[in-house]
Amino acid sequence: MKLRIGILSTASIVPRLIGAVRAAETLLSTDYSRGCTISAIASRDLEKARQKARLWNVPEAYGSYEDLINSPEIDIVYIATINSEHYRYAKLALEAGKHVLCEKPFTLGAAQARELFALAREKGLFLMEMQKCVFLPVIQRLKELIREGELGRIVMADFSSSFSSSYNSWLFDAEKGGGPLYSNASYSLHLMQYLLDCYAAEWTGLCTPSGTGVETQFSAVLRMEDGTLVTNKTSTLADTLHAGYIYGEKGWVELPDYWKARKAILHYKEKAEPVILEEPCEYELMYEVLHAEECIRKGLTESPVMTEEMSVRSVEILTGLHRLWNPAPL
């Protein structure tokens, strides 16, 4: 029997999630005991939910998040709400007996993240932060090459990205968890945690304040536990290169659009021509959907890939940088 997904929010990522679930369904079409299906979508505006349900061919629409969460026709709740509401609705969904897939940033506090994972274990339910980049096939291949020492010891990495300030209407609202730090930095954090099998030991950075309690752009620096230095630069003020660069003793890797990478370009000191790894796909979210479904079928409460510790460590860094740039008033 297919697992039924209910979606909280009509945010811009939702049609990509729907496409990914349906692509996964097609991939598993001969195995009727597996797969997921989109069963419902919710908005605080019922007419908007109905409009999007018609547009995206979703069977059921709800005019409140709570109604969807409490529906007996839903197995998994996918949370794509504004950042400040992730904790609240993840907790409500777990308490209602639903598995939870929550968009990044997982929460806006490490204690909240720990609480949710403890509740998932208590309830015997699966909980995972949706972090597509670590599940992408090209990243899986790159991780194997790094483990095998193909690039030598990794010593440095640099990531840059940018997006329009109109990306979300609440982008510069601190109360809602806005700002490019919370919106984008977790991609590079999780990617390096995953590739290096270690966490950040120190972090610092600078930002351009917006005047509303969040930043318009930032440059963050981390030192990983193995000594690797990682920088992340994200701007809403200028267009930057959308790429990641990972440097090892024997060569370096270029990752165009690293958060949704389909390609890795490997440059070696001893080779004149680069080696290109390519893994094209239409819906990059498909791989995390397939992984989550497999975990649920196995009765797991936590992903062995996108772990509790990875989510908590990422939240600690994000909130640490946010407080550095926005200290509490005396």
C-alpha atoms as a PDB file:
ATOM      1  CA  MET A   1       0.000   0.000   0.000  1.00  0.00           C
ATOM      2  CA  LYS A   2       1.317   3.432  -0.887  1.00  0.00           C
ATOM      3  CA  LEU A   3       2.118   5.840   1.932  1.00  0.00           C
ATOM      4  CA  ARG A   4      -0.132   8.894   1.788  1.00  0.00           C
ATOM      5  CA  ILE A   5       1.547  12.306   2.034  1.00  0.00           C
ATOM      6  CA  GLY A   6      -0.220  15.467   3.184  1.00  0.00           C
ATOM      7  CA  ILE A   7       1.481  18.785   2.441  1.00  0.00           C
ATOM      8  CA  LEU A   8       1.413  21.766   4.787  1.00  0.00           C
ATOM      9  CA  SER A   9       1.689  24.989   2.741  1.00  0.00           C
ATOM     10  CA  THR A  10       1.443  25.980  -0.913  1.00  0.00           C
ATOM     11  CA  ALA A  11       5.009  27.350  -0.972  1.00  0.00           C
ATOM     12  CA  SER A  12       7.135  27.434  -4.115  1.00  0.00           C
ATOM     13  CA  ILE A  13       8.880  24.163  -3.253  1.00  0.00           C
ATOM     14  CA  VAL A  14       5.590  22.225  -3.140  1.00  0.00           C
ATOM     15  CA  PRO A  15       5.197  21.532  -6.895  1.00  0.00           C
ATOM     16  CA  ARG A  16       8.789  20.256  -6.968  1.00  0.00           C
ATOM     17  CA  LEU A  17       7.986  17.870  -4.107  1.00  0.00           C
ATOM     18  CA  ILE A  18       4.842  16.696  -5.877  1.00  0.00           C
ATOM     19  CA  GLY A  19       6.818  16.091  -9.070  1.00  0.00           C
ATOM     20  CA  ALA A  20       9.474  14.179  -7.124  1.00  0.00           C
ATOM     21  CA  VAL A  21       6.912  11.921  -5.426  1.00  0.00           C
ATOM     22  CA  ARG A  22       5.248  11.150  -8.742  1.00  0.00           C
ATOM     23  CA  ALA A  23       8.591  10.480 -10.415  1.00  0.00           C
ATOM     24  CA  ALA A  24       9.373   8.036  -7.610  1.00  0.00           C
ATOM     25  CA  GLU A  25       5.951   6.419  -8.097  1.00  0.00           C
ATOM     26  CA  THR A  26       6.768   5.904 -11.769  1.00  0.00           C
ATOM     27  CA  LEU A  27      10.140   4.403 -10.875  1.00  0.00           C
ATOM     28  CA  LEU A  28       8.445   1.913  -8.531  1.00  0.00           C
ATOM     29  CA  SER A  29       5.407   1.302 -10.743  1.00  0.00           C
ATOM     30  CA  THR A  30       5.914  -2.461 -10.877  1.00  0.00           C
ATOM     31  CA  ASP A  31       6.170  -2.786  -7.087  1.00  0.00           C
ATOM     32  CA  TYR A  32       2.689  -2.092  -5.720  1.00  0.00           C
ATOM     33  CA  SER A  33       3.825  -2.637  -2.123  1.00  0.00           C
ATOM     34  CA  ARG A  34       6.050   0.452  -2.256  1.00  0.00           C
ATOM     35  CA  GLY A  35       5.899   4.123  -3.063  1.00  0.00           C
ATOM     36  CA  CYS A  36       4.183   7.254  -1.818  1.00  0.00           C
ATOM     37  CA  THR A  37       1.324   9.306  -3.152  1.00  0.00           C
ATOM     38  CA  ILE A  38       0.273  12.916  -2.610  1.00  0.00           C
ATOM     39  CA  SER A  39      -3.146  12.749  -0.946  1.00  0.00           C
ATOM     40  CA  ALA A  40      -3.819  16.261   0.363  1.00  0.00           C
ATOM     41  CA  ILE A  41      -2.616  19.833   0.615  1.00  0.00           C
ATOM     42  CA  ALA A  42      -3.431  22.465   3.231  1.00  0.00           C
ATOM     43  CA  SER A  43      -3.415  26.247   3.400  1.00  0.00           C
ATOM     44  CA  ARG A  44      -4.871  28.635   5.955  1.00  0.00           C
ATOM     45  CA  ASP A  45      -7.057  29.828   3.071  1.00  0.00           C
ATOM     46  CA  LEU A  46      -9.358  27.003   1.935  1.00  0.00           C
ATOM     47  CA  GLU A  47      -9.989  28.514  -1.493  1.00  0.00           C
ATOM     48  CA  LYS A  48      -6.230  28.829  -2.069  1.00  0.00           C
ATOM     49  CA  ALA A  49      -5.766  25.199  -1.035  1.00  0.00           C
ATOM     50  CA  ARG A  50      -8.524  24.130  -3.439  1.00  0.00           C
ATOM     51  CA  GLN A  51      -7.024  26.205  -6.248  1.00  0.00           C
ATOM     52  CA  LYS A  52      -3.584  24.642  -5.784  1.00  0.00           C
ATOM     53  CA  ALA A  53      -5.098  21.169  -5.408  1.00  0.00           C
ATOM     54  CA  ARG A  54      -6.793  21.586  -8.799  1.00  0.00           C
ATOM     55  CA  LEU A  55      -3.633  23.025 -10.361  1.00  0.00           C
ATOM     56  CA  TRP A  56      -1.404  20.226  -9.061  1.00  0.00           C
ATOM     57  CA  ASN A  57      -3.984  17.426  -9.276  1.00  0.00           C
ATOM     58  CA  VAL A  58      -4.057  16.739  -5.520  1.00  0.00           C
ATOM     59  CA  PRO A  59      -7.172  14.828  -4.360  1.00  0.00           C
ATOM     60  CA  GLU A  60      -7.975  16.687  -1.118  1.00  0.00           C
ATOM     61  CA  ALA A  61      -7.663  20.274   0.114  1.00  0.00           C
ATOM     62  CA  TYR A  62      -7.824  21.557   3.690  1.00  0.00           C
ATOM     63  CA  GLY A  63      -8.341  25.080   4.996  1.00  0.00           C
ATOM     64  CA  SER A  64      -6.207  24.535   8.101  1.00  0.00           C
ATOM     65  CA  TYR A  65      -2.968  22.757   8.837  1.00  0.00           C
ATOM     66  CA  GLU A  66      -4.502  21.118  11.908  1.00  0.00           C
ATOM     67  CA  ASP A  67      -7.292  19.521   9.857  1.00  0.00           C
ATOM     68  CA  LEU A  68      -4.797  17.897   7.512  1.00  0.00           C
ATOM     69  CA  ILE A  69      -2.601  16.723  10.386  1.00  0.00           C
ATOM     70  CA  ASN A  70      -5.568  15.058  12.095  1.00  0.00           C
ATOM     71  CA  SER A  71      -6.897  13.405   8.943  1.00  0.00           C
ATOM     72  CA  PRO A  72      -6.982   9.578   9.120  1.00  0.00           C
ATOM     73  CA  GLU A  73      -6.251   9.577   5.374  1.00  0.00           C
ATOM     74  CA  ILE A  74      -2.678  10.823   5.868  1.00  0.00           C
ATOM     75  CA  ASP A  75       0.421   8.777   6.849  1.00  0.00           C
ATOM     76  CA  ILE A  76       3.175  11.375   6.346  1.00  0.00           C
ATOM     77  CA  VAL A  77       3.084  15.133   6.897  1.00  0.00           C
ATOM     78  CA  TYR A  78       5.459  17.182   4.760  1.00  0.00           C
ATOM     79  CA  ILE A  79       6.131  20.583   6.331  1.00  0.00           C
ATOM     80  CA  ALA A  80       6.941  23.443   3.951  1.00  0.00           C
ATOM     81  CA  THR A  81       5.661  26.303   6.115  1.00  0.00           C
ATOM     82  CA  ILE A  82       7.627  29.420   7.024  1.00  0.00           C
ATOM     83  CA  ASN A  83      10.711  28.586   9.094  1.00  0.00           C
ATOM     84  CA  SER A  84       9.354  29.727  12.451  1.00  0.00           C
ATOM     85  CA  GLU A  85       6.457  27.235  12.223  1.00  0.00           C
ATOM     86  CA  HIS A  86       8.476  24.073  11.551  1.00  0.00           C
ATOM     87  CA  TYR A  87       8.755  23.083  15.215  1.00  0.00           C
ATOM     88  CA  ARG A  88       5.095  23.706  16.041  1.00  0.00           C
ATOM     89  CA  TYR A  89       3.641  21.677  13.203  1.00  0.00           C
ATOM     90  CA  ALA A  90       6.215  18.895  13.366  1.00  0.00           C
ATOM     91  CA  LYS A  91       5.299  18.417  17.019  1.00  0.00           C
ATOM     92  CA  LEU A  92       1.549  18.473  16.270  1.00  0.00           C
ATOM     93  CA  ALA A  93       1.999  15.919  13.486  1.00  0.00           C
ATOM     94  CA  LEU A  94       4.058  13.555  15.639  1.00  0.00           C
ATOM     95  CA  GLU A  95       1.535  13.835  18.469  1.00  0.00           C
ATOM     96  CA  ALA A  96      -1.181  12.950  15.929  1.00  0.00           C
ATOM     97  CA  GLY A  97       0.708   9.770  14.976  1.00  0.00           C
ATOM     98  CA  LYS A  98       2.086  10.962  11.640  1.00  0.00           C
ATOM     99  CA  HIS A  99       5.563  10.496  10.190  1.00  0.00           C
ATOM    100  CA  VAL A 100       7.172  13.872   9.470  1.00  0.00           C
ATOM    101  CA  LEU A 101       9.346  15.222   6.679  1.00  0.00           C
ATOM    102  CA  CYS A 102      10.351  18.802   7.512  1.00  0.00           C
ATOM    103  CA  GLU A 103      11.993  21.296   5.204  1.00  0.00           C
ATOM    104  CA  LYS A 104      15.200  23.036   6.218  1.00  0.00           C
ATOM    105  CA  PRO A 105      16.064  24.716   8.496  1.00  0.00           C
ATOM    106  CA  PHE A 106      14.731  21.935  10.694  1.00  0.00           C
ATOM    107  CA  THR A 107      13.979  24.254  13.630  1.00  0.00           C
ATOM    108  CA  LEU A 108      15.204  27.606  14.918  1.00  0.00           C
ATOM    109  CA  GLY A 109      16.691  26.115  18.082  1.00  0.00           C
ATOM    110  CA  ALA A 110      18.730  23.016  18.951  1.00  0.00           C
ATOM    111  CA  ALA A 111      16.609  22.187  22.010  1.00  0.00           C
ATOM    112  CA  GLN A 112      13.511  22.138  19.789  1.00  0.00           C
ATOM    113  CA  ALA A 113      15.231  19.759  17.382  1.00  0.00           C
ATOM    114  CA  ARG A 114      16.262  17.373  20.175  1.00  0.00           C
ATOM    115  CA  GLU A 115      12.732  17.446  21.570  1.00  0.00           C
ATOM    116  CA  LEU A 116      11.200  16.493  18.224  1.00  0.00           C
ATOM    117  CA  PHE A 117      13.551  13.558  17.667  1.00  0.00           C
ATOM    118  CA  ALA A 118      12.909  12.320  21.210  1.00  0.00           C
ATOM    119  CA  LEU A 119       9.143  12.535  20.562  1.00  0.00           C
ATOM    120  CA  ALA A 120       9.515  10.620  17.279  1.00  0.00           C
ATOM    121  CA  ARG A 121      11.360   7.815  19.082  1.00  0.00           C
ATOM    122  CA  GLU A 122       8.742   7.745  21.831  1.00  0.00           C
ATOM    123  CA  LYS A 123       5.940   7.487  19.254  1.00  0.00           C
ATOM    124  CA  GLY A 124       7.784   5.066  16.967  1.00  0.00           C
ATOM    125  CA  LEU A 125       7.491   7.504  14.050  1.00  0.00           C
ATOM    126  CA  PHE A 126       9.942   8.566  11.365  1.00  0.00           C
ATOM    127  CA  LEU A 127      11.276  12.129  11.408  1.00  0.00           C
ATOM    128  CA  MET A 128      13.739  13.665   8.953  1.00  0.00           C
ATOM    129  CA  GLU A 129      14.931  17.065   7.835  1.00  0.00           C
ATOM    130  CA  MET A 130      14.490  17.286   4.074  1.00  0.00           C
ATOM    131  CA  GLN A 131      18.003  17.965   2.805  1.00  0.00           C
ATOM    132  CA  LYS A 132      18.106  16.939  -0.829  1.00  0.00           C
ATOM    133  CA  CYS A 133      21.791  17.599  -1.492  1.00  0.00           C
ATOM    134  CA  VAL A 134      23.131  14.660   0.550  1.00  0.00           C
ATOM    135  CA  PHE A 135      20.974  12.135  -1.345  1.00  0.00           C
ATOM    136  CA  LEU A 136      21.859  13.201  -4.885  1.00  0.00           C
ATOM    137  CA  PRO A 137      23.560  10.439  -6.930  1.00  0.00           C
ATOM    138  CA  VAL A 138      26.492  12.643  -7.945  1.00  0.00           C
ATOM    139  CA  ILE A 139      27.132  13.474  -4.260  1.00  0.00           C
ATOM    140  CA  GLN A 140      27.001   9.778  -3.412  1.00  0.00           C
ATOM    141  CA  ARG A 141      29.667   9.110  -6.050  1.00  0.00           C
ATOM    142  CA  LEU A 142      31.775  12.025  -4.811  1.00  0.00           C
ATOM    143  CA  LYS A 143      31.625  10.758  -1.240  1.00  0.00           C
ATOM    144  CA  GLU A 144      32.976   7.380  -2.338  1.00  0.00           C
ATOM    145  CA  LEU A 145      35.866   9.044  -4.182  1.00  0.00           C
ATOM    146  CA  ILE A 146      36.721  11.109  -1.105  1.00  0.00           C
ATOM    147  CA  ARG A 147      36.599   8.022   1.133  1.00  0.00           C
ATOM    148  CA  GLU A 148      38.908   6.191  -1.270  1.00  0.00           C
ATOM    149  CA  GLY A 149      41.426   9.057  -1.120  1.00  0.00           C
ATOM    150  CA  GLU A 150      41.018   9.958  -4.785  1.00  0.00           C
ATOM    151  CA  LEU A 151      41.512  13.658  -4.013  1.00  0.00           C
ATOM    152  CA  GLY A 152      43.849  13.173  -1.076  1.00  0.00           C
ATOM    153  CA  ARG A 153      42.995  14.815   2.218  1.00  0.00           C
ATOM    154  CA  ILE A 154      40.282  17.470   1.850  1.00  0.00           C
ATOM    155  CA  VAL A 155      41.583  20.738   3.282  1.00  0.00           C
ATOM    156  CA  MET A 156      39.268  23.534   2.116  1.00  0.00           C
ATOM    157  CA  ALA A 157      35.848  24.185   0.571  1.00  0.00           C
ATOM    158  CA  ASP A 158      34.116  27.303  -0.712  1.00  0.00           C
ATOM    159  CA  PHE A 159      30.422  27.764  -1.565  1.00  0.00           C
ATOM    160  CA  SER A 160      28.566  30.713  -3.065  1.00  0.00           C
ATOM    161  CA  SER A 161      24.962  31.379  -4.013  1.00  0.00           C
ATOM    162  CA  SER A 162      22.460  34.189  -4.399  1.00  0.00           C
ATOM    163  CA  PHE A 163      18.748  34.711  -4.860  1.00  0.00           C
ATOM    164  CA  SER A 164      16.237  37.518  -5.271  1.00  0.00           C
ATOM    165  CA  SER A 165      15.016  39.370  -2.207  1.00  0.00           C
ATOM    166  CA  SER A 166      11.456  38.741  -3.461  1.00  0.00           C
ATOM    167  CA  TYR A 167      12.037  34.984  -3.072  1.00  0.00           C
ATOM    168  CA  ASN A 168       9.685  34.925  -0.062  1.00  0.00           C
ATOM    169  CA  SER A 169       7.474  37.748   1.200  1.00  0.00           C
ATOM    170  CA  TRP A 170       8.698  37.093   4.748  1.00  0.00           C
ATOM    171  CA  LEU A 171      12.399  36.881   3.861  1.00  0.00           C
ATOM    172  CA  PHE A 172      13.406  39.858   6.026  1.00  0.00           C
ATOM    173  CA  ASP A 173      11.038  39.121   8.928  1.00  0.00           C
ATOM    174  CA  ALA A 174      13.139  37.936  11.887  1.00  0.00           C
ATOM    175  CA  GLU A 175      10.057  36.690  13.763  1.00  0.00           C
ATOM    176  CA  LYS A 176       9.387  34.248  10.937  1.00  0.00           C
ATOM    177  CA  GLY A 177      12.933  32.938  10.687  1.00  0.00           C
ATOM    178  CA  GLY A 178      13.782  34.944   7.590  1.00  0.00           C
ATOM    179  CA  GLY A 179      17.162  35.801   6.097  1.00  0.00           C
ATOM    180  CA  PRO A 180      19.495  34.055   3.637  1.00  0.00           C
ATOM    181  CA  LEU A 181      21.382  32.409   6.507  1.00  0.00           C
ATOM    182  CA  TYR A 182      18.411  30.258   7.528  1.00  0.00           C
ATOM    183  CA  SER A 183      17.291  29.904   3.910  1.00  0.00           C
ATOM    184  CA  ASN A 184      20.517  28.661   2.303  1.00  0.00           C
ATOM    185  CA  ALA A 185      23.437  27.977   4.636  1.00  0.00           C
ATOM    186  CA  SER A 186      22.291  24.503   5.711  1.00  0.00           C
ATOM    187  CA  TYR A 187      22.981  23.121   2.216  1.00  0.00           C
ATOM    188  CA  SER A 188      26.734  23.597   2.506  1.00  0.00           C
ATOM    189  CA  LEU A 189      26.759  22.668   6.204  1.00  0.00           C
ATOM    190  CA  HIS A 190      25.058  19.343   5.623  1.00  0.00           C
ATOM    191  CA  LEU A 191      27.002  18.653   2.466  1.00  0.00           C
ATOM    192  CA  MET A 192      30.373  18.976   4.210  1.00  0.00           C
ATOM    193  CA  GLN A 193      29.200  17.095   7.313  1.00  0.00           C
ATOM    194  CA  TYR A 194      28.113  14.275   5.023  1.00  0.00           C
ATOM    195  CA  LEU A 195      31.149  14.212   2.732  1.00  0.00           C
ATOM    196  CA  LEU A 196      33.707  14.388   5.550  1.00  0.00           C
ATOM    197  CA  ASP A 197      31.848  12.356   8.208  1.00  0.00           C
ATOM    198  CA  CYS A 198      32.517  15.016  10.836  1.00  0.00           C
ATOM    199  CA  TYR A 199      31.045  18.230  12.210  1.00  0.00           C
ATOM    200  CA  ALA A 200      32.033  21.868  12.490  1.00  0.00           C
ATOM    201  CA  ALA A 201      34.164  22.649  15.527  1.00  0.00           C
ATOM    202  CA  GLU A 202      34.193  26.462  15.184  1.00  0.00           C
ATOM    203  CA  TRP A 203      32.341  29.072  13.180  1.00  0.00           C
ATOM    204  CA  THR A 204      32.280  32.810  12.671  1.00  0.00           C
ATOM    205  CA  GLY A 205      31.369  35.299   9.968  1.00  0.00           C
ATOM    206  CA  LEU A 206      30.167  38.720   8.907  1.00  0.00           C
ATOM    207  CA  CYS A 207      26.943  39.941   7.381  1.00  0.00           C
ATOM    208  CA  THR A 208      25.279  42.990   5.862  1.00  0.00           C
ATOM    209  CA  PRO A 209      22.351  43.796   8.183  1.00  0.00           C
ATOM    210  CA  SER A 210      18.925  44.467   6.697  1.00  0.00           C
ATOM    211  CA  GLY A 211      17.751  46.616   9.603  1.00  0.00           C
ATOM    212  CA  THR A 212      14.972  44.139  10.412  1.00  0.00           C
ATOM    213  CA  GLY A 213      16.912  41.665  12.535  1.00  0.00           C
ATOM    214  CA  VAL A 214      18.197  39.509   9.676  1.00  0.00           C
ATOM    215  CA  GLU A 215      20.935  39.838   7.074  1.00  0.00           C
ATOM    216  CA  THR A 216      20.779  40.689   3.368  1.00  0.00           C
ATOM    217  CA  GLN A 217      23.988  38.787   2.692  1.00  0.00           C
ATOM    218  CA  PHE A 218      26.630  36.964   4.683  1.00  0.00           C
ATOM    219  CA  SER A 219      29.997  35.280   4.608  1.00  0.00           C
ATOM    220  CA  ALA A 220      30.454  32.454   7.104  1.00  0.00           C
ATOM    221  CA  VAL A 221      33.614  30.487   7.914  1.00  0.00           C
ATOM    222  CA  LEU A 222      33.761  27.096   9.615  1.00  0.00           C
ATOM    223  CA  ARG A 223      36.573  24.857  10.760  1.00  0.00           C
ATOM    224  CA  MET A 224      35.580  21.218  10.655  1.00  0.00           C
ATOM    225  CA  GLU A 225      36.701  18.726  13.286  1.00  0.00           C
ATOM    226  CA  ASP A 226      39.252  17.323  10.815  1.00  0.00           C
ATOM    227  CA  GLY A 227      40.692  20.812  10.203  1.00  0.00           C
ATOM    228  CA  THR A 228      39.009  21.508   6.853  1.00  0.00           C
ATOM    229  CA  LEU A 229      38.141  25.181   6.377  1.00  0.00           C
ATOM    230  CA  VAL A 230      34.735  25.871   4.805  1.00  0.00           C
ATOM    231  CA  THR A 231      33.356  29.195   3.611  1.00  0.00           C
ATOM    232  CA  ASN A 232      29.807  30.011   2.538  1.00  0.00           C
ATOM    233  CA  LYS A 233      28.854  33.279   0.832  1.00  0.00           C
ATOM    234  CA  THR A 234      25.204  34.037   0.067  1.00  0.00           C
ATOM    235  CA  SER A 235      23.709  37.310  -1.157  1.00  0.00           C
ATOM    236  CA  THR A 236      20.325  38.811  -1.964  1.00  0.00           C
ATOM    237  CA  LEU A 237      22.006  42.017  -3.191  1.00  0.00           C
ATOM    238  CA  ALA A 238      24.076  40.714  -6.109  1.00  0.00           C
ATOM    239  CA  ASP A 239      24.244  37.722  -8.419  1.00  0.00           C
ATOM    240  CA  THR A 240      27.070  35.408  -7.436  1.00  0.00           C
ATOM    241  CA  LEU A 241      28.498  32.217  -8.825  1.00  0.00           C
ATOM    242  CA  HIS A 242      26.197  29.327  -7.907  1.00  0.00           C
ATOM    243  CA  ALA A 243      28.841  26.746  -7.200  1.00  0.00           C
ATOM    244  CA  GLY A 244      30.799  24.849  -4.607  1.00  0.00           C
ATOM    245  CA  TYR A 245      34.534  24.113  -4.729  1.00  0.00           C
ATOM    246  CA  ILE A 246      36.111  21.363  -2.646  1.00  0.00           C
ATOM    247  CA  TYR A 247      39.909  21.283  -2.500  1.00  0.00           C
ATOM    248  CA  GLY A 248      42.066  18.266  -1.715  1.00  0.00           C
ATOM    249  CA  GLU A 249      45.796  17.591  -1.710  1.00  0.00           C
ATOM    250  CA  LYS A 250      45.592  15.777  -5.077  1.00  0.00           C
ATOM    251  CA  GLY A 251      43.020  17.949  -6.845  1.00  0.00           C
ATOM    252  CA  TRP A 252      39.765  19.836  -6.549  1.00  0.00           C
ATOM    253  CA  VAL A 253      36.078  19.466  -7.369  1.00  0.00           C
ATOM    254  CA  GLU A 254      33.665  21.970  -8.881  1.00  0.00           C
ATOM    255  CA  LEU A 255      29.970  21.486  -8.045  1.00  0.00           C
ATOM    256  CA  PRO A 256      27.698  23.735 -10.150  1.00  0.00           C
ATOM    257  CA  ASP A 257      24.460  24.475  -8.255  1.00  0.00           C
ATOM    258  CA  TYR A 258      25.791  22.415  -5.371  1.00  0.00           C
ATOM    259  CA  TRP A 259      22.448  22.290  -3.498  1.00  0.00           C
ATOM    260  CA  LYS A 260      20.860  20.418  -6.438  1.00  0.00           C
ATOM    261  CA  ALA A 261      24.019  19.107  -8.125  1.00  0.00           C
ATOM    262  CA  ARG A 262      23.703  17.006 -11.262  1.00  0.00           C
ATOM    263  CA  LYS A 263      27.395  17.302 -12.123  1.00  0.00           C
ATOM    264  CA  ALA A 264      30.792  17.194 -10.414  1.00  0.00           C
ATOM    265  CA  ILE A 265      33.920  18.289 -12.314  1.00  0.00           C
ATOM    266  CA  LEU A 266      37.090  16.726 -10.901  1.00  0.00           C
ATOM    267  CA  HIS A 267      40.420  18.445 -11.558  1.00  0.00           C
ATOM    268  CA  TYR A 268      43.551  16.420 -10.774  1.00  0.00           C
ATOM    269  CA  LYS A 269      47.105  17.679 -10.412  1.00  0.00           C
ATOM    270  CA  GLU A 270      48.426  14.766 -12.441  1.00  0.00           C
ATOM    271  CA  LYS A 271      45.839  14.869 -15.259  1.00  0.00           C
ATOM    272  CA  ALA A 272      45.548  17.432 -18.033  1.00  0.00           C
ATOM    273  CA  GLU A 273      41.829  16.972 -18.569  1.00  0.00           C
ATOM    274  CA  PRO A 274      39.126  17.064 -15.889  1.00  0.00           C
ATOM    275  CA  VAL A 275      36.900  14.072 -15.140  1.00  0.00           C
ATOM    276  CA  ILE A 276      33.177  14.823 -15.242  1.00  0.00           C
ATOM    277  CA  LEU A 277      30.624  12.920 -13.211  1.00  0.00           C
ATOM    278  CA  GLU A 278      27.065  13.474 -14.434  1.00  0.00           C
ATOM    279  CA  GLU A 279      23.780  12.262 -12.951  1.00  0.00           C
ATOM    280  CA  PRO A 280      20.921  14.078 -14.706  1.00  0.00           C
ATOM    281  CA  CYS A 281      17.486  14.000 -13.094  1.00  0.00           C
ATOM    282  CA  GLU A 282      14.280  15.986 -13.478  1.00  0.00           C
ATOM    283  CA  TYR A 283      13.327  16.149  -9.797  1.00  0.00           C
ATOM    284  CA  GLU A 284      16.259  16.273  -7.390  1.00  0.00           C
ATOM    285  CA  LEU A 285      13.954  15.806  -4.374  1.00  0.00           C
ATOM    286  CA  MET A 286      13.074  12.305  -5.585  1.00  0.00           C
ATOM    287  CA  TYR A 287      16.068  10.683  -3.908  1.00  0.00           C
ATOM    288  CA  GLU A 288      15.270  11.939  -0.415  1.00  0.00           C
ATOM    289  CA  VAL A 289      11.639  10.869  -0.913  1.00  0.00           C
ATOM    290  CA  LEU A 290      12.739   7.344  -1.868  1.00  0.00           C
ATOM    291  CA  HIS A 291      15.080   7.223   1.134  1.00  0.00           C
ATOM    292  CA  ALA A 292      12.419   8.413   3.580  1.00  0.00           C
ATOM    293  CA  GLU A 293       9.898   5.894   2.284  1.00  0.00           C
ATOM    294  CA  GLU A 294      12.411   3.059   2.658  1.00  0.00           C
ATOM    295  CA  CYS A 295      13.173   4.123   6.238  1.00  0.00           C
ATOM    296  CA  ILE A 296       9.470   4.194   7.127  1.00  0.00           C
ATOM    297  CA  ARG A 297       8.911   0.748   5.595  1.00  0.00           C
ATOM    298  CA  LYS A 298      11.760  -0.553   7.772  1.00  0.00           C
ATOM    299  CA  GLY A 299      10.221   0.935  10.904  1.00  0.00           C
ATOM    300  CA  LEU A 300      13.057   3.413  11.503  1.00  0.00           C
ATOM    301  CA  THR A 301      12.522   6.600  13.488  1.00  0.00           C
ATOM    302  CA  GLU A 302      15.665   8.322  12.173  1.00  0.00           C
ATOM    303  CA  SER A 303      17.500   8.368   8.854  1.00  0.00           C
ATOM    304  CA  PRO A 304      20.944   6.734   8.885  1.00  0.00           C
ATOM    305  CA  VAL A 305      22.008   9.397   6.351  1.00  0.00           C
ATOM    306  CA  MET A 306      20.266  12.628   7.377  1.00  0.00           C
ATOM    307  CA  THR A 307      20.647  11.972  11.092  1.00  0.00           C
ATOM    308  CA  GLU A 308      19.424  13.741  14.198  1.00  0.00           C
ATOM    309  CA  GLU A 309      22.974  14.812  14.973  1.00  0.00           C
ATOM    310  CA  MET A 310      23.414  16.384  11.539  1.00  0.00           C
ATOM    311  CA  SER A 311      20.225  18.405  11.935  1.00  0.00           C
ATOM    312  CA  VAL A 312      21.000  19.487  15.496  1.00  0.00           C
ATOM    313  CA  ARG A 313      24.584  20.505  14.679  1.00  0.00           C
ATOM    314  CA  SER A 314      23.373  22.527  11.710  1.00  0.00           C
ATOM    315  CA  VAL A 315      20.764  24.325  13.851  1.00  0.00           C
ATOM    316  CA  GLU A 316      23.442  25.121  16.453  1.00  0.00           C
ATOM    317  CA  ILE A 317      25.631  26.774  13.813  1.00  0.00           C
ATOM    318  CA  LEU A 318      22.782  28.718  12.213  1.00  0.00           C
ATOM    319  CA  THR A 319      21.474  30.037  15.529  1.00  0.00           C
ATOM    320  CA  GLY A 320      25.027  30.761  16.704  1.00  0.00           C
ATOM    321  CA  LEU A 321      25.746  32.911  13.657  1.00  0.00           C
ATOM    322  CA  HIS A 322      22.344  34.579  13.869  1.00  0.00           C
ATOM    323  CA  ARG A 323      22.999  35.569  17.505  1.00  0.00           C
ATOM    324  CA  LEU A 324      26.480  36.789  16.608  1.00  0.00           C
ATOM    325  CA  TRP A 325      24.958  39.198  14.101  1.00  0.00           C
ATOM    326  CA  ASN A 326      21.816  39.990  16.124  1.00  0.00           C
ATOM    327  CA  PRO A 327      22.767  40.012  19.816  1.00  0.00           C
ATOM    328  CA  ALA A 328      19.937  40.189  22.337  1.00  0.00           C
ATOM    329  CA  PRO A 329      19.438  43.693  23.760  1.00  0.00           C
ATOM    330  CA  LEU A 330      20.939  44.329  27.212  1.00  0.00           C
END
